[in-house]
Amino acid sequence: MHMDIFQVLAEPRRRAIVKIVAQEGQLTATAISQKFNVSKPAISQHLQVLRQARILHMEKWGREHIYQVEPKAFAEIETWIHSLKKLWHGRLDRLGVLLEVESRKIKGKAKR
């Protein structure tokens, strides 16, 4: 089952979890839950969704669940952002050409 990364990260607490784990490198589920003022089961649900979306990777070390960010998960976001940048750069280039043409027309009329 493929989960839409944008829908998963639309939830503010999940984004906060990802940011915290990215900053810390690796964290236990307990350490993550201690950073929030909500129940441990609520954080566990968020961690499960993030795992299913393959945004976070979890390994068991004895009794501990250790979480880290899965960098490959962000390829979809990077691709999306890149396509938008490409679109906007093209539009801005066309606008620049249009402004240059119009500027030349105005300068041509002023010289007459």
Protein backbone atom coordinates (compact mmCIF):
# COMPACT_ATOMS: atom_id res chain seq x y z
CA MET A 1 0.00 0.00 0.00
CA HIS A 2 1.47 3.32 -1.12
CA MET A 3 0.66 6.26 1.10
CA ASP A 4 0.73 9.79 -0.25
CA ILE A 5 3.67 11.47 1.46
CA PHE A 6 1.93 14.84 1.22
CA GLN A 7 -1.14 13.55 3.06
CA VAL A 8 1.01 11.90 5.71
CA LEU A 9 3.04 15.07 6.28
CA ALA A 10 -0.05 17.30 6.22
CA GLU A 11 -0.53 16.41 9.88
CA PRO A 12 1.51 18.96 11.92
CA ARG A 13 2.54 16.55 14.65
CA ARG A 14 3.93 14.10 12.08
CA ARG A 15 5.96 16.89 10.48
CA ALA A 16 7.27 17.79 13.94
CA ILE A 17 8.24 14.17 14.60
CA VAL A 18 10.11 13.95 11.30
CA LYS A 19 11.92 17.21 12.01
CA ILE A 20 12.95 16.08 15.49
CA VAL A 21 14.18 12.71 14.26
CA ALA A 22 16.04 14.37 11.37
CA GLN A 23 17.76 16.76 13.79
CA GLU A 24 18.67 14.09 16.33
CA GLY A 25 19.66 11.37 13.85
CA GLN A 26 18.19 8.44 15.74
CA LEU A 27 15.67 8.40 18.56
CA THR A 28 13.77 5.82 20.53
CA ALA A 29 9.99 5.86 20.48
CA THR A 30 10.09 6.83 24.15
CA ALA A 31 12.41 9.78 23.51
CA ILE A 32 10.14 10.96 20.69
CA SER A 33 6.98 10.67 22.77
CA GLN A 34 8.60 12.61 25.64
CA LYS A 35 8.94 15.64 23.37
CA PHE A 36 5.16 15.95 23.00
CA ASN A 37 2.37 16.71 25.44
CA VAL A 38 0.18 13.85 24.19
CA SER A 39 -0.17 10.21 25.11
CA LYS A 40 2.45 7.66 24.13
CA PRO A 41 -0.17 5.64 22.16
CA ALA A 42 -1.00 8.76 20.11
CA ILE A 43 2.67 9.20 19.19
CA SER A 44 2.89 5.46 18.46
CA GLN A 45 0.05 5.87 15.94
CA HIS A 46 1.89 8.71 14.23
CA LEU A 47 5.10 6.67 14.17
CA GLN A 48 3.24 3.76 12.63
CA VAL A 49 1.84 5.98 9.85
CA LEU A 50 5.31 7.47 9.22
CA ARG A 51 6.77 3.94 9.06
CA GLN A 52 4.06 2.73 6.67
CA ALA A 53 4.73 5.74 4.43
CA ARG A 54 8.43 4.82 4.60
CA ILE A 55 9.30 8.27 5.89
CA LEU A 56 10.81 6.84 9.06
CA HIS A 57 12.75 3.62 9.37
CA MET A 58 12.53 1.62 12.59
CA GLU A 59 14.94 -0.95 13.97
CA LYS A 60 14.52 -2.97 17.13
CA TRP A 61 17.49 -2.93 19.45
CA GLY A 62 16.50 -5.26 22.24
CA ARG A 63 13.33 -3.81 23.69
CA GLU A 64 13.82 -0.39 22.12
CA HIS A 65 12.42 0.82 18.81
CA ILE A 66 14.93 3.17 17.20
CA TYR A 67 13.67 5.57 14.54
CA GLN A 68 15.57 7.43 11.86
CA VAL A 69 14.56 9.38 8.77
CA GLU A 70 14.48 7.47 5.48
CA PRO A 71 16.05 9.93 3.00
CA LYS A 72 14.62 8.11 -0.05
CA ALA A 73 11.14 9.07 1.12
CA PHE A 74 11.78 12.66 0.21
CA ALA A 75 12.60 11.94 -3.43
CA GLU A 76 8.91 12.34 -4.29
CA ILE A 77 8.85 15.77 -2.64
CA GLU A 78 12.09 16.79 -4.32
CA THR A 79 10.76 15.72 -7.72
CA TRP A 80 7.56 17.69 -7.17
CA ILE A 81 9.44 20.81 -6.06
CA HIS A 82 11.86 20.50 -8.99
CA SER A 83 8.97 20.29 -11.47
CA LEU A 84 7.38 23.41 -9.97
CA LYS A 85 10.66 25.29 -10.07
CA LYS A 86 11.14 24.30 -13.70
CA LEU A 87 7.61 25.48 -14.52
CA TRP A 88 8.07 28.82 -12.78
CA HIS A 89 11.52 29.43 -14.24
CA GLY A 90 10.03 28.88 -17.72
CA ARG A 91 7.21 31.30 -16.98
CA LEU A 92 9.58 33.90 -15.58
CA ASP A 93 11.85 33.53 -18.62
CA ARG A 94 8.87 34.11 -20.94
CA LEU A 95 7.80 37.11 -18.86
CA GLY A 96 11.33 38.52 -19.10
CA VAL A 97 11.26 38.20 -22.89
CA LEU A 98 7.84 39.86 -23.05
CA LEU A 99 8.98 42.74 -20.84
CA GLU A 100 12.07 43.22 -22.99
CA VAL A 101 9.96 43.36 -26.18
CA GLU A 102 7.52 45.83 -24.61
CA SER A 103 10.39 47.95 -23.28
CA ARG A 104 11.90 48.16 -26.77
CA LYS A 105 8.52 49.20 -28.21
CA ILE A 106 8.20 51.99 -25.63
CA LYS A 107 11.78 53.18 -26.24
CA GLY A 108 11.16 53.11 -30.02
CA LYS A 109 8.07 55.30 -29.66
CA ALA A 110 9.90 57.75 -27.39
CA LYS A 111 12.65 58.32 -30.00
CA ARG A 112 10.16 59.39 -32.69
